């Protein structure tokens, strides 16, 4: 398990700097054309989460990733619904 991540331009490491319960997460590996890291910002603290590696992050960072994934899924469903309605 990787317990640190790239720290650039004010980004915190996955294992240090922020308070909160730590949880292990693994983001899917990047597909062709996708970034190899995911940027997550919570309350002014920025994280670069590597894809395809298990890392520890504060629980609120993992929750923000889940929230963003749910919002993206909702948006995709709405697009599909509107396309079907327009046909």
N, C-alpha and C. Protein backbone atom coordinates (compact mmCIF):
# COMPACT_ATOMS: atom_id res chain seq x y z
N UNK A 1 0.85 -1.19 0.00
CA UNK A 1 0.00 0.00 0.00
C UNK A 1 0.88 1.23 0.00
N UNK A 2 0.51 2.17 -0.78
CA UNK A 2 1.24 3.43 -0.83
C UNK A 2 0.62 4.38 0.17
N UNK A 3 1.46 4.99 1.02
CA UNK A 3 0.90 5.86 2.04
C UNK A 3 1.22 7.32 1.81
N UNK A 4 1.83 7.63 0.70
CA UNK A 4 2.07 9.03 0.34
C UNK A 4 1.70 9.23 -1.12
N UNK A 5 1.58 10.45 -1.50
CA UNK A 5 1.32 10.77 -2.89
C UNK A 5 2.10 12.00 -3.26
N UNK A 6 2.14 12.29 -4.53
CA UNK A 6 2.88 13.44 -5.02
C UNK A 6 2.37 14.71 -4.35
N UNK A 7 3.29 15.53 -3.89
CA UNK A 7 2.94 16.79 -3.24
C UNK A 7 3.44 17.92 -4.14
N UNK A 8 2.49 18.61 -4.77
CA UNK A 8 2.88 19.68 -5.68
C UNK A 8 2.00 20.89 -5.46
N UNK A 9 2.57 22.04 -5.56
CA UNK A 9 1.81 23.28 -5.55
C UNK A 9 0.79 23.39 -4.43
N UNK A 10 1.18 23.07 -3.21
CA UNK A 10 0.27 23.20 -2.09
C UNK A 10 -0.61 22.00 -1.86
N UNK A 11 -0.42 20.93 -2.61
CA UNK A 11 -1.23 19.72 -2.40
C UNK A 11 -0.68 18.95 -1.22
N UNK A 12 -1.57 18.45 -0.39
CA UNK A 12 -1.17 17.66 0.76
C UNK A 12 -0.89 16.23 0.33
N UNK A 13 -0.06 15.53 1.10
CA UNK A 13 0.13 14.11 0.84
C UNK A 13 -1.08 13.37 1.35
N UNK A 14 -1.30 12.18 0.84
CA UNK A 14 -2.46 11.39 1.26
C UNK A 14 -2.36 11.00 2.71
N UNK A 15 -1.14 10.90 3.25
CA UNK A 15 -1.00 10.39 4.60
C UNK A 15 -0.67 11.46 5.63
N UNK A 16 -0.44 12.68 5.21
CA UNK A 16 0.01 13.66 6.20
C UNK A 16 -0.67 14.99 6.07
N UNK A 17 -0.61 15.76 7.14
CA UNK A 17 -1.05 17.13 7.10
C UNK A 17 -2.48 17.38 7.50
N UNK A 18 -3.39 16.47 7.28
CA UNK A 18 -4.79 16.74 7.56
C UNK A 18 -5.29 15.86 8.69
N UNK A 19 -6.18 16.40 9.49
CA UNK A 19 -6.77 15.63 10.58
C UNK A 19 -7.98 14.88 10.06
N UNK A 20 -8.34 13.85 10.77
CA UNK A 20 -9.49 13.05 10.39
C UNK A 20 -9.12 11.59 10.31
N UNK A 21 -10.12 10.75 10.42
CA UNK A 21 -9.91 9.32 10.33
C UNK A 21 -9.40 8.98 8.93
N UNK A 22 -8.41 8.12 8.85
CA UNK A 22 -7.86 7.71 7.55
C UNK A 22 -8.59 6.47 7.05
N UNK A 23 -8.83 6.45 5.75
CA UNK A 23 -9.42 5.29 5.10
C UNK A 23 -8.58 4.93 3.88
N UNK A 24 -8.58 3.66 3.53
CA UNK A 24 -7.84 3.20 2.35
C UNK A 24 -8.77 3.24 1.15
N UNK A 25 -8.27 3.80 0.07
CA UNK A 25 -9.04 3.82 -1.18
C UNK A 25 -8.12 3.45 -2.33
N UNK A 26 -8.72 2.94 -3.38
CA UNK A 26 -8.00 2.68 -4.63
C UNK A 26 -8.89 3.17 -5.77
N UNK A 27 -8.41 4.14 -6.50
CA UNK A 27 -9.15 4.63 -7.66
C UNK A 27 -8.79 3.76 -8.86
N UNK A 28 -9.74 3.53 -9.76
CA UNK A 28 -9.43 2.72 -10.95
C UNK A 28 -8.26 3.31 -11.73
N UNK A 29 -7.52 2.43 -12.38
CA UNK A 29 -6.40 2.89 -13.21
C UNK A 29 -6.92 3.79 -14.32
N UNK A 30 -6.08 4.70 -14.75
CA UNK A 30 -6.46 5.65 -15.79
C UNK A 30 -6.61 4.95 -17.13
N UNK A 31 -7.65 5.35 -17.84
CA UNK A 31 -7.82 4.89 -19.22
C UNK A 31 -7.01 5.81 -20.13
N UNK A 32 -6.91 5.43 -21.35
CA UNK A 32 -6.18 6.24 -22.32
C UNK A 32 -6.77 7.65 -22.35
N UNK A 33 -5.93 8.64 -22.20
CA UNK A 33 -6.37 10.03 -22.24
C UNK A 33 -6.77 10.60 -20.89
N UNK A 34 -6.89 9.76 -19.86
CA UNK A 34 -7.24 10.25 -18.52
C UNK A 34 -5.98 10.61 -17.75
N UNK A 35 -6.13 11.53 -16.81
CA UNK A 35 -5.01 11.87 -15.93
C UNK A 35 -4.69 10.69 -15.03
N UNK A 36 -3.42 10.53 -14.68
CA UNK A 36 -3.00 9.44 -13.81
C UNK A 36 -3.23 9.76 -12.34
N UNK A 37 -3.67 10.97 -12.08
CA UNK A 37 -3.97 11.41 -10.71
C UNK A 37 -5.30 12.14 -10.73
N UNK A 38 -5.98 12.10 -9.60
CA UNK A 38 -7.25 12.80 -9.45
C UNK A 38 -7.05 13.93 -8.45
N UNK A 39 -7.41 15.13 -8.83
CA UNK A 39 -7.33 16.28 -7.95
C UNK A 39 -8.59 16.34 -7.10
N UNK A 40 -8.42 16.48 -5.79
CA UNK A 40 -9.55 16.64 -4.87
C UNK A 40 -9.20 17.81 -3.95
N UNK A 41 -10.12 18.76 -3.85
CA UNK A 41 -9.94 19.90 -2.94
C UNK A 41 -11.07 19.93 -1.93
N UNK A 42 -10.72 20.00 -0.65
CA UNK A 42 -11.72 20.06 0.42
C UNK A 42 -11.31 21.17 1.38
N UNK A 43 -12.17 22.17 1.51
CA UNK A 43 -11.93 23.28 2.45
C UNK A 43 -10.54 23.90 2.29
N UNK A 44 -10.15 24.13 1.07
CA UNK A 44 -8.89 24.81 0.81
C UNK A 44 -7.66 23.92 0.86
N UNK A 45 -7.82 22.63 1.13
CA UNK A 45 -6.69 21.69 1.14
C UNK A 45 -6.82 20.83 -0.11
N UNK A 46 -5.75 20.77 -0.89
CA UNK A 46 -5.76 20.07 -2.17
C UNK A 46 -4.99 18.76 -2.10
N UNK A 47 -5.51 17.74 -2.76
CA UNK A 47 -4.90 16.41 -2.80
C UNK A 47 -4.78 15.95 -4.23
N UNK A 48 -3.69 15.26 -4.55
CA UNK A 48 -3.54 14.56 -5.82
C UNK A 48 -3.52 13.08 -5.48
N UNK A 49 -4.58 12.38 -5.88
CA UNK A 49 -4.73 10.98 -5.55
C UNK A 49 -4.31 10.15 -6.76
N UNK A 50 -3.29 9.32 -6.63
CA UNK A 50 -2.86 8.51 -7.78
C UNK A 50 -3.88 7.43 -8.10
N UNK A 51 -4.06 7.16 -9.38
CA UNK A 51 -4.96 6.09 -9.81
C UNK A 51 -4.21 4.76 -9.80
N UNK A 52 -4.94 3.69 -9.47
CA UNK A 52 -4.37 2.35 -9.53
C UNK A 52 -3.49 1.96 -8.36
N UNK A 53 -3.45 2.77 -7.32
CA UNK A 53 -2.63 2.48 -6.13
C UNK A 53 -3.49 2.65 -4.89
N UNK A 54 -3.31 1.77 -3.92
CA UNK A 54 -4.02 1.92 -2.66
C UNK A 54 -3.32 3.01 -1.84
N UNK A 55 -4.10 3.97 -1.38
CA UNK A 55 -3.56 5.05 -0.56
C UNK A 55 -4.49 5.29 0.62
N UNK A 56 -3.96 5.91 1.65
CA UNK A 56 -4.77 6.32 2.79
C UNK A 56 -5.04 7.82 2.67
N UNK A 57 -6.30 8.17 2.83
CA UNK A 57 -6.70 9.57 2.78
C UNK A 57 -7.65 9.84 3.94
N UNK A 58 -7.81 11.10 4.34
CA UNK A 58 -8.82 11.41 5.36
C UNK A 58 -10.20 10.97 4.87
N UNK A 59 -11.05 10.55 5.80
CA UNK A 59 -12.37 10.05 5.42
C UNK A 59 -13.18 11.07 4.63
N UNK A 60 -13.00 12.36 4.92
CA UNK A 60 -13.77 13.37 4.20
C UNK A 60 -13.31 13.50 2.74
N UNK A 61 -12.08 13.15 2.44
CA UNK A 61 -11.61 13.15 1.05
C UNK A 61 -12.26 11.99 0.30
N UNK A 62 -12.31 10.82 0.92
CA UNK A 62 -12.97 9.67 0.30
C UNK A 62 -14.44 9.97 0.07
N UNK A 63 -15.08 10.65 1.03
CA UNK A 63 -16.49 11.00 0.87
C UNK A 63 -16.68 11.99 -0.27
N UNK A 64 -15.79 12.92 -0.44
CA UNK A 64 -15.89 13.88 -1.55
C UNK A 64 -15.74 13.17 -2.89
N UNK A 65 -14.87 12.17 -2.96
CA UNK A 65 -14.72 11.40 -4.20
C UNK A 65 -16.01 10.65 -4.49
N UNK A 66 -16.62 10.02 -3.47
CA UNK A 66 -17.90 9.32 -3.66
C UNK A 66 -18.99 10.29 -4.11
N UNK A 67 -19.02 11.48 -3.51
CA UNK A 67 -20.03 12.47 -3.87
C UNK A 67 -19.87 12.90 -5.33
N UNK A 68 -18.63 13.12 -5.75
CA UNK A 68 -18.37 13.53 -7.13
C UNK A 68 -18.74 12.42 -8.11
N UNK A 69 -18.46 11.16 -7.76
CA UNK A 69 -18.83 10.04 -8.62
C UNK A 69 -20.34 9.92 -8.74
N UNK A 70 -21.06 10.11 -7.63
CA UNK A 70 -22.52 10.05 -7.65
C UNK A 70 -23.09 11.18 -8.51
N UNK A 71 -22.52 12.37 -8.40
CA UNK A 71 -22.98 13.50 -9.21
C UNK A 71 -22.75 13.24 -10.69
N UNK A 72 -21.61 12.65 -11.02
CA UNK A 72 -21.32 12.34 -12.42
C UNK A 72 -22.29 11.28 -12.95
N UNK A 73 -22.58 10.25 -12.15
CA UNK A 73 -23.53 9.22 -12.56
C UNK A 73 -24.92 9.82 -12.77
N UNK A 74 -25.33 10.72 -11.88
CA UNK A 74 -26.62 11.39 -12.01
C UNK A 74 -26.67 12.20 -13.31
N UNK A 75 -25.60 12.93 -13.57
CA UNK A 75 -25.55 13.74 -14.79
C UNK A 75 -25.65 12.86 -16.03
N UNK A 76 -24.95 11.73 -16.04
CA UNK A 76 -25.01 10.82 -17.18
C UNK A 76 -26.43 10.27 -17.36
N UNK A 77 -27.09 9.91 -16.25
CA UNK A 77 -28.47 9.41 -16.32
C UNK A 77 -29.41 10.48 -16.87
N UNK A 78 -29.23 11.71 -16.43
CA UNK A 78 -30.08 12.81 -16.91
C UNK A 78 -29.87 13.06 -18.40
N UNK A 79 -28.63 13.00 -18.86
CA UNK A 79 -28.36 13.15 -20.29
C UNK A 79 -29.08 12.08 -21.09
N UNK A 80 -28.97 10.83 -20.61
CA UNK A 80 -29.64 9.72 -21.30
C UNK A 80 -31.15 9.92 -21.32
N UNK A 81 -31.71 10.35 -20.19
CA UNK A 81 -33.16 10.57 -20.10
C UNK A 81 -33.60 11.65 -21.06
N UNK A 82 -32.85 12.75 -21.12
CA UNK A 82 -33.23 13.86 -22.01
C UNK A 82 -33.07 13.47 -23.47
N UNK A 83 -32.05 12.68 -23.79
CA UNK A 83 -31.89 12.22 -25.18
C UNK A 83 -33.08 11.34 -25.58
N UNK A 84 -33.46 10.43 -24.67
CA UNK A 84 -34.60 9.55 -24.96
C UNK A 84 -35.90 10.34 -25.10
N UNK A 85 -36.06 11.36 -24.31
CA UNK A 85 -37.26 12.18 -24.35
C UNK A 85 -37.34 12.96 -25.67
N UNK A 86 -36.19 13.37 -26.18
CA UNK A 86 -36.14 14.17 -27.40
C UNK A 86 -36.34 13.37 -28.67
N UNK A 87 -36.29 12.07 -28.58
CA UNK A 87 -36.43 11.24 -29.80
C UNK A 87 -37.86 10.89 -30.09
